[in-house]
Amino acid sequence: MASTGNAFTDGSHRSPQVDPLAALRTPDDPPWDVYLTGTVFLDIVFTGLDSAPVRGTESWARGMGSSPGGVANMATALARLGLRTSLAAAFGDDHYGEYCWDALEQGEGIDLSPSRTVPGWHSPVTVSMAYEGERTMVSHGHEPPPEEPSRPSAATTRTRRPPGADLPACPPRARAAVASLTPGRSAPWIARAVRDGARIFGDVGWDDTGAWDLAALPDLRHCEAFLPNAEEAMRYTGTDCPRAAAHALTEHVPVAVVTLGAEGAYAVDRRTGETASVPAIDVEALDPTGAGDVFVAGFVTGTLAGWPLADRLAFAGLTAALSVQEFGGSLSAPGWTEIAGWWRKVQSVEGQDPAALRRYGFLADVVPEEPVRPWPLRRAVPTIGFRRSA
């Protein structure tokens, strides 16, 4: 059974409310459960639109939220599920960058020691419009300037680390890492992480080249699991069925997980012969931003905890479903308070399908018997310009 801790304290030294890996931890463990790297965006999300914006007209949204986005979606989701998370990213020294750094380090307890502040570099921004259960995004940003491998930038040294401090090992030792695979590119850090014992979970985006060639994903060979959506999986395998695509992908990676949108998800484990199919949980979606990242975070959590494949898949789908009921990407990720609340509420609903309840019965061994004490989760707010109250 997972253990519970006190409510989070300030900074990165907090203890999780529920530690899903408590029974597995030893003094020789890596310092981090999960490492990831990527671009942090400031997300500005408009919701409550009746339809897509029409050229030449002005549309008014009934809701708006701002929060850290990009790789911050995944990092926050992992941290809120109780995993010790380390993130390497560049942050601008503008107000957006300061807000994102504070939200991740102080608000979520994410280790940012591999990250850096870049003077004079403005933070990437994404504007997302959510309507009809989907979203349309417009982004702007520039690649950050390269950094000498042995020293942090002057601004990072001044504000984040003691003067003269060397950068920590990157990637740091971790149980696992989440990698976004890009066609035609190899990320050397992935092979280094594998040599240090990390299990790699790979996701992928749309292939703008149109080639859809698995050979163009050289780092796939390092992955423990690959988690594309149905369209991506079918295009990469040349199949016309998502389930057939999942089986085909296991020729290249031990575990293939294919998300099926409103139909849930399907997974195959080549090594054990397990297959699992879990339907989606029907919820009223406010904003789907970041739901895919939350799904991956849930699956990683269950895998590191040693759960059966079907439980991992069900947990990933549950966390994603809970996330779409809040504004924003990163700050909509559920914590154990929300998970425990859902589990207790759903059991009290009359007419509940007993088979559906049994599918989530594993939560009884994970969620603590006593209600998890609520802690002040940050949520997306319309503006980041408000001053903190005294």
Protein backbone atom coordinates (compact mmCIF):
# COMPACT_ATOMS: atom_id res chain seq x y z
CA MET A 1 0.00 0.00 0.00
CA ALA A 2 1.23 3.49 -0.82
CA SER A 3 2.23 5.63 2.11
CA THR A 4 0.95 9.06 2.99
CA GLY A 5 2.94 12.02 4.18
CA ASN A 6 2.23 15.43 5.56
CA ALA A 7 0.91 18.23 3.43
CA PHE A 8 3.58 19.64 1.16
CA THR A 9 6.07 22.05 2.65
CA ASP A 10 7.86 24.82 0.80
CA GLY A 11 10.29 24.13 -2.02
CA SER A 12 11.68 20.92 -3.42
CA HIS A 13 12.16 19.21 -0.03
CA ARG A 14 8.47 18.46 0.38
CA SER A 15 7.09 14.98 1.02
CA PRO A 16 4.31 13.70 -1.22
CA GLN A 17 0.86 13.13 0.21
CA VAL A 18 0.95 9.63 -1.27
CA ASP A 19 4.18 7.91 -2.27
CA PRO A 20 3.28 5.20 -4.79
CA LEU A 21 6.83 3.81 -4.61
CA ALA A 22 7.13 3.74 -0.82
CA ALA A 23 7.31 -0.05 -0.59
CA LEU A 24 10.05 -0.18 -3.24
CA ARG A 25 12.44 2.50 -1.99
CA THR A 26 15.92 1.57 -0.74
CA PRO A 27 18.94 3.65 0.35
CA ASP A 28 20.70 2.81 -2.93
CA ASP A 29 17.95 4.23 -5.14
CA PRO A 30 18.68 7.00 -7.65
CA PRO A 31 17.89 10.45 -6.25
CA TRP A 32 15.07 10.95 -8.76
CA ASP A 33 12.20 8.83 -9.94
CA VAL A 34 11.79 10.56 -13.30
CA TYR A 35 13.93 12.90 -15.39
CA LEU A 36 12.73 14.88 -18.36
CA THR A 37 13.88 17.73 -20.53
CA GLY A 38 12.22 20.02 -23.06
CA THR A 39 10.76 23.45 -23.60
CA VAL A 40 8.64 25.25 -21.00
CA PHE A 41 5.99 27.52 -22.49
CA LEU A 42 3.67 29.98 -20.84
CA ASP A 43 0.23 28.66 -21.81
CA ILE A 44 -2.69 31.05 -22.20
CA VAL A 45 -5.88 29.06 -22.65
CA PHE A 46 -9.25 30.43 -23.77
CA THR A 47 -12.26 28.22 -22.99
CA GLY A 48 -16.01 28.52 -23.36
CA LEU A 49 -15.86 29.30 -27.08
CA ASP A 50 -18.97 28.26 -28.97
CA SER A 51 -17.04 27.52 -32.16
CA ALA A 52 -13.73 28.02 -33.89
CA PRO A 53 -12.74 31.67 -34.42
CA VAL A 54 -13.86 33.01 -37.79
CA ARG A 55 -11.55 35.15 -39.91
CA GLY A 56 -12.38 38.83 -39.73
CA THR A 57 -14.48 38.54 -36.57
CA GLU A 58 -13.89 38.89 -32.84
CA SER A 59 -14.67 35.99 -30.53
CA TRP A 60 -15.20 36.31 -26.79
CA ALA A 61 -14.27 33.43 -24.48
CA ARG A 62 -16.20 32.75 -21.29
CA GLY A 63 -13.09 31.48 -19.52
CA MET A 64 -9.34 31.99 -19.55
CA GLY A 65 -6.38 30.51 -17.73
CA SER A 66 -2.60 30.96 -17.67
CA SER A 67 -0.13 28.32 -16.50
CA PRO A 68 3.27 26.76 -17.31
CA GLY A 69 3.00 24.55 -20.39
CA GLY A 70 5.07 22.43 -22.75
CA VAL A 71 7.24 19.96 -20.83
CA ALA A 72 5.89 21.52 -17.61
CA ASN A 73 2.63 19.63 -18.20
CA MET A 74 4.38 16.28 -17.83
CA ALA A 75 6.67 17.39 -14.99
CA THR A 76 3.78 18.71 -12.91
CA ALA A 77 1.64 15.63 -13.51
CA LEU A 78 4.48 13.35 -12.37
CA ALA A 79 5.20 15.42 -9.27
CA ARG A 80 1.54 15.56 -8.24
CA LEU A 81 1.39 11.76 -8.40
CA GLY A 82 4.18 11.59 -5.83
CA LEU A 83 7.18 10.91 -8.08
CA ARG A 84 10.46 12.72 -7.40
CA THR A 85 10.82 14.67 -10.61
CA SER A 86 13.82 16.46 -12.12
CA LEU A 87 13.52 18.81 -15.10
CA ALA A 88 16.15 20.35 -17.39
CA ALA A 89 14.83 23.35 -19.31
CA ALA A 90 15.70 26.89 -20.28
CA PHE A 91 13.74 29.75 -18.67
CA GLY A 92 13.60 33.33 -19.84
CA ASP A 93 14.51 36.08 -17.39
CA ASP A 94 11.21 37.85 -18.14
CA HIS A 95 8.16 37.79 -15.86
CA TYR A 96 6.78 34.77 -17.69
CA GLY A 97 9.95 32.79 -17.01
CA GLU A 98 10.04 33.82 -13.36
CA TYR A 99 6.41 32.79 -12.95
CA CYS A 100 6.97 29.38 -14.57
CA TRP A 101 10.12 28.70 -12.52
CA ASP A 102 8.35 29.61 -9.26
CA ALA A 103 5.25 27.59 -10.13
CA LEU A 104 7.31 24.47 -10.84
CA GLU A 105 10.00 24.67 -8.15
CA GLN A 106 8.15 26.26 -5.25
CA GLY A 107 4.60 25.28 -6.18
CA GLU A 108 5.21 21.68 -7.27
CA GLY A 109 8.51 20.70 -5.66
CA ILE A 110 10.14 19.85 -9.00
CA ASP A 111 13.95 19.76 -9.04
CA LEU A 112 15.19 22.45 -11.42
CA SER A 113 18.90 22.13 -10.64
CA PRO A 114 19.62 20.97 -14.24
CA SER A 115 17.70 24.01 -15.58
CA ARG A 116 18.99 27.48 -16.37
CA THR A 117 17.83 31.06 -16.67
CA VAL A 118 18.82 32.70 -19.97
CA PRO A 119 19.33 36.49 -19.79
CA GLY A 120 17.63 38.46 -22.56
CA TRP A 121 15.71 35.44 -23.88
CA HIS A 122 11.95 35.74 -23.82
CA SER A 123 9.81 32.82 -22.75
CA PRO A 124 7.99 30.80 -25.45
CA VAL A 125 4.23 31.36 -25.38
CA THR A 126 1.29 29.25 -26.56
CA VAL A 127 -2.26 30.55 -26.93
CA SER A 128 -4.78 27.69 -26.93
CA MET A 129 -8.47 27.94 -27.80
CA ALA A 130 -10.65 25.10 -26.50
CA TYR A 131 -14.03 24.40 -28.11
CA GLU A 132 -16.17 21.38 -29.04
CA GLY A 133 -13.90 19.12 -27.01
CA GLU A 134 -10.85 20.03 -29.10
CA ARG A 135 -8.30 22.83 -29.17
CA THR A 136 -6.46 25.06 -31.59
CA MET A 137 -3.05 26.41 -30.63
CA VAL A 138 -0.78 29.22 -31.78
CA SER A 139 2.79 29.30 -30.40
CA HIS A 140 5.75 31.63 -30.61
CA GLY A 141 9.29 31.20 -29.37
CA HIS A 142 12.97 30.96 -30.27
CA GLU A 143 15.60 28.35 -29.50
CA PRO A 144 17.61 29.37 -26.42
CA PRO A 145 21.30 30.07 -27.01
CA PRO A 146 23.66 27.15 -26.30
CA GLU A 147 25.35 26.94 -22.94
CA GLU A 148 28.83 25.79 -22.02
CA PRO A 149 28.42 22.25 -20.71
CA SER A 150 30.38 22.75 -17.49
CA ARG A 151 29.07 26.06 -16.19
CA PRO A 152 25.65 27.64 -15.66
CA SER A 153 24.85 30.99 -17.20
CA ALA A 154 25.71 34.15 -15.27
CA ALA A 155 22.06 34.81 -14.47
CA THR A 156 21.53 31.23 -13.29
CA THR A 157 24.59 31.43 -11.05
CA ARG A 158 23.44 34.73 -9.60
CA THR A 159 19.84 33.73 -8.91
CA ARG A 160 19.69 29.94 -8.74
CA ARG A 161 23.06 28.50 -7.65
CA PRO A 162 26.00 29.53 -5.48
CA PRO A 163 28.70 31.48 -7.37
CA GLY A 164 31.07 29.20 -9.24
CA ALA A 165 28.91 26.11 -8.84
CA ASP A 166 29.23 23.50 -11.54
CA LEU A 167 26.16 22.19 -13.32
CA PRO A 168 24.94 18.90 -11.87
CA ALA A 169 25.24 15.70 -13.88
CA CYS A 170 22.78 15.77 -16.75
CA PRO A 171 20.87 13.63 -16.99
CA PRO A 172 20.92 12.86 -13.27
CA ARG A 173 20.44 9.27 -12.10
CA ALA A 174 16.76 8.40 -12.18
CA ARG A 175 14.54 5.35 -12.25
CA ALA A 176 12.94 6.52 -15.47
CA ALA A 177 12.91 9.27 -18.07
CA VAL A 178 10.24 10.53 -20.43
CA ALA A 179 11.50 11.37 -23.91
CA SER A 180 9.74 13.08 -26.79
CA LEU A 181 10.98 11.32 -29.92
CA THR A 182 11.54 13.45 -33.02
CA PRO A 183 11.83 11.94 -36.53
CA GLY A 184 15.36 12.14 -37.87
CA ARG A 185 16.93 13.15 -34.55
CA SER A 186 18.73 11.31 -31.79
CA ALA A 187 19.12 12.74 -28.29
CA PRO A 188 22.44 11.58 -26.76
CA TRP A 189 21.12 12.02 -23.22
CA ILE A 190 18.69 9.12 -23.74
CA ALA A 191 21.47 6.56 -24.25
CA ARG A 192 23.33 7.98 -21.24
CA ALA A 193 20.23 7.67 -19.08
CA VAL A 194 19.78 4.03 -20.14
CA ARG A 195 23.40 3.25 -19.27
CA ASP A 196 22.73 4.69 -15.81
CA GLY A 197 19.75 2.35 -15.37
CA ALA A 198 16.80 4.55 -16.38
CA ARG A 199 13.74 3.12 -18.10
CA ILE A 200 12.70 5.30 -21.04
CA PHE A 201 9.08 6.09 -21.86
CA GLY A 202 8.77 7.60 -25.34
CA ASP A 203 6.01 9.68 -26.81
CA VAL A 204 5.91 11.26 -30.25
CA GLY A 205 4.23 14.09 -32.12
CA TRP A 206 2.89 14.46 -35.62
CA ASP A 207 5.45 13.67 -38.33
CA ASP A 208 5.55 16.83 -40.44
CA THR A 209 7.79 15.07 -42.97
CA GLY A 210 4.97 12.68 -43.85
CA ALA A 211 7.40 9.74 -43.91
CA TRP A 212 6.07 7.94 -40.83
CA ASP A 213 9.13 5.72 -40.72
CA LEU A 214 9.97 3.99 -37.42
CA ALA A 215 13.59 3.79 -38.59
CA ALA A 216 13.63 7.60 -38.35
CA LEU A 217 13.12 7.27 -34.57
CA PRO A 218 16.58 5.95 -33.60
CA ASP A 219 15.98 6.37 -29.87
CA LEU A 220 12.96 4.05 -29.96
CA ARG A 221 15.37 1.15 -29.44
CA HIS A 222 16.16 2.54 -25.97
CA CYS A 223 12.51 2.75 -24.88
CA GLU A 224 10.77 0.59 -22.32
CA ALA A 225 7.40 1.79 -23.63
CA PHE A 226 6.10 3.79 -26.60
CA LEU A 227 2.84 5.76 -26.23
CA PRO A 228 1.51 7.19 -29.53
CA ASN A 229 -2.12 8.00 -30.27
CA ALA A 230 -4.16 5.82 -32.63
CA GLU A 231 -3.52 7.87 -35.77
CA GLU A 232 0.22 8.03 -35.14
CA ALA A 233 0.42 4.32 -34.36
CA MET A 234 -1.44 3.30 -37.52
CA ARG A 235 0.62 5.56 -39.74
CA TYR A 236 3.91 4.33 -38.29
CA THR A 237 2.93 0.67 -38.72
CA GLY A 238 0.92 0.89 -41.94
CA THR A 239 -2.08 -0.77 -40.30
CA ASP A 240 -5.75 0.22 -40.35
CA CYS A 241 -6.58 -0.80 -36.77
CA PRO A 242 -5.13 0.74 -33.58
CA ARG A 243 -4.97 -2.62 -31.84
CA ALA A 244 -3.13 -4.20 -34.73
CA ALA A 245 -0.78 -1.20 -34.67
CA ALA A 246 -0.03 -1.79 -30.98
CA HIS A 247 0.92 -5.41 -31.66
CA ALA A 248 3.08 -4.35 -34.62
CA LEU A 249 4.90 -1.79 -32.47
CA THR A 250 6.00 -4.49 -30.02
CA GLU A 251 8.43 -5.68 -32.69
CA HIS A 252 10.33 -2.46 -31.92
CA VAL A 253 9.64 -1.78 -28.22
CA PRO A 254 8.67 -4.04 -25.28
CA VAL A 255 5.46 -2.21 -24.34
CA ALA A 256 3.18 -0.40 -26.78
CA VAL A 257 0.34 1.81 -25.51
CA VAL A 258 -2.08 3.33 -28.03
CA THR A 259 -4.54 5.98 -26.90
CA LEU A 260 -7.94 5.76 -28.60
CA GLY A 261 -9.52 9.08 -27.64
CA ALA A 262 -13.13 8.60 -26.54
CA GLU A 263 -12.68 4.80 -26.77
CA GLY A 264 -9.97 4.68 -24.09
CA ALA A 265 -6.63 2.96 -24.63
CA TYR A 266 -5.09 -0.38 -25.62
CA ALA A 267 -1.72 -1.80 -24.58
CA VAL A 268 0.47 -4.82 -25.31
CA ASP A 269 3.46 -6.11 -23.33
CA ARG A 270 5.65 -8.30 -25.54
CA ARG A 271 7.63 -9.76 -22.67
CA THR A 272 4.71 -11.00 -20.58
CA GLY A 273 2.18 -11.52 -23.35
CA GLU A 274 -0.31 -9.26 -21.55
CA THR A 275 -2.82 -7.17 -23.42
CA ALA A 276 -5.18 -4.64 -21.88
CA SER A 277 -8.08 -2.56 -23.12
CA VAL A 278 -9.64 0.10 -20.89
CA PRO A 279 -12.57 2.32 -21.92
CA ALA A 280 -12.43 6.06 -21.40
CA ILE A 281 -14.15 7.62 -18.40
CA ASP A 282 -17.04 9.82 -19.50
CA VAL A 283 -16.55 13.34 -18.14
CA GLU A 284 -17.52 16.85 -19.18
CA ALA A 285 -14.31 18.22 -20.66
CA LEU A 286 -13.56 21.87 -19.97
CA ASP A 287 -10.07 21.95 -21.51
CA PRO A 288 -8.15 18.98 -23.05
CA THR A 289 -4.79 20.79 -22.90
CA GLY A 290 -2.11 18.50 -21.44
CA ALA A 291 -4.37 15.44 -21.09
CA GLY A 292 -1.96 13.31 -23.12
CA ASP A 293 0.92 14.29 -20.84
CA VAL A 294 -1.12 13.42 -17.75
CA PHE A 295 -1.95 10.03 -19.30
CA VAL A 296 1.76 9.28 -19.79
CA ALA A 297 2.51 10.40 -16.22
CA GLY A 298 -0.14 8.03 -14.87
CA PHE A 299 1.23 5.13 -16.89
CA VAL A 300 4.80 5.84 -15.77
CA THR A 301 3.66 5.96 -12.13
CA GLY A 302 1.91 2.60 -12.37
CA THR A 303 4.85 1.03 -14.17
CA LEU A 304 7.41 2.16 -11.60
CA ALA A 305 5.08 0.94 -8.85
CA GLY A 306 4.99 -2.51 -10.47
CA TRP A 307 1.25 -2.63 -11.20
CA PRO A 308 -0.28 -5.02 -13.78
CA LEU A 309 -0.66 -3.63 -17.30
CA ALA A 310 -4.44 -3.20 -17.09
CA ASP A 311 -4.17 -1.26 -13.82
CA ARG A 312 -1.53 1.02 -15.27
CA LEU A 313 -3.73 1.70 -18.27
CA ALA A 314 -6.83 2.35 -16.15
CA PHE A 315 -4.94 4.69 -13.83
CA ALA A 316 -3.50 6.65 -16.76
CA GLY A 317 -6.98 7.05 -18.25
CA LEU A 318 -8.41 8.15 -14.91
CA THR A 319 -5.78 10.84 -14.31
CA ALA A 320 -6.26 12.16 -17.86
CA ALA A 321 -10.04 12.27 -17.41
CA LEU A 322 -9.74 14.20 -14.15
CA SER A 323 -7.35 16.69 -15.78
CA VAL A 324 -9.70 17.83 -18.56
CA GLN A 325 -12.17 19.17 -16.01
CA GLU A 326 -9.86 22.06 -15.10
CA PHE A 327 -8.35 25.00 -17.00
CA GLY A 328 -4.82 24.79 -18.34
CA GLY A 329 -2.30 22.02 -18.97
CA SER A 330 0.14 21.62 -16.09
CA LEU A 331 -2.04 23.00 -13.31
CA SER A 332 -5.03 20.85 -14.27
CA ALA A 333 -3.11 17.65 -13.39
CA PRO A 334 -4.80 15.81 -10.52
CA GLY A 335 -3.18 15.08 -7.18
CA TRP A 336 -4.08 12.26 -4.81
CA THR A 337 -6.81 14.35 -3.21
CA GLU A 338 -8.72 14.41 -6.50
CA ILE A 339 -8.04 10.73 -7.20
CA ALA A 340 -9.20 9.68 -3.73
CA GLY A 341 -12.24 11.93 -3.99
CA TRP A 342 -13.24 10.41 -7.35
CA TRP A 343 -12.84 6.85 -6.06
CA ARG A 344 -14.98 7.46 -2.98
CA LYS A 345 -17.64 9.31 -4.94
CA VAL A 346 -17.95 6.83 -7.79
CA GLN A 347 -18.53 3.95 -5.38
CA SER A 348 -21.55 5.73 -3.92
CA VAL A 349 -23.29 6.33 -7.26
CA GLU A 350 -26.44 4.23 -7.59
CA GLY A 351 -26.72 1.93 -10.57
CA GLN A 352 -22.96 1.73 -11.03
CA ASP A 353 -21.81 -1.15 -13.21
CA PRO A 354 -20.08 -3.62 -10.84
CA ALA A 355 -17.62 -4.67 -13.56
CA ALA A 356 -16.63 -1.05 -14.13
CA LEU A 357 -16.05 -0.57 -10.41
CA ARG A 358 -13.91 -3.71 -10.24
CA ARG A 359 -11.71 -2.31 -13.00
CA TYR A 360 -10.62 0.42 -10.58
CA GLY A 361 -10.61 -1.76 -7.49
CA PHE A 362 -6.81 -1.59 -7.32
CA LEU A 363 -7.22 1.98 -6.05
CA ALA A 364 -8.39 0.57 -2.71
CA ASP A 365 -4.79 -0.55 -2.10
CA VAL A 366 -3.31 2.76 -3.22
CA VAL A 367 -5.61 5.47 -1.89
CA PRO A 368 -5.23 5.82 1.90
CA GLU A 369 -8.16 4.80 4.09
CA GLU A 370 -8.30 8.22 5.70
CA PRO A 371 -9.11 11.15 3.40
CA VAL A 372 -6.01 12.81 2.04
CA ARG A 373 -5.63 16.25 3.59
CA PRO A 374 -6.24 18.84 0.86
CA TRP A 375 -3.28 20.96 -0.05
CA PRO A 376 -3.33 24.23 -1.97
CA LEU A 377 -3.01 23.06 -5.56
CA ARG A 378 -2.26 25.92 -7.87
CA ARG A 379 -4.79 26.27 -10.65
CA ALA A 380 -4.59 28.29 -13.84
CA VAL A 381 -5.63 31.91 -13.33
CA PRO A 382 -6.73 34.49 -15.90
CA THR A 383 -3.59 36.56 -15.43
CA ILE A 384 -0.19 36.15 -13.83
CA GLY A 385 -0.14 39.83 -12.96
CA PHE A 386 -1.79 39.69 -9.54
CA ARG A 387 0.47 40.44 -6.60
CA ARG A 388 0.70 37.87 -3.84
CA SER A 389 -1.37 38.61 -0.77
CA ALA A 390 0.60 39.27 2.40
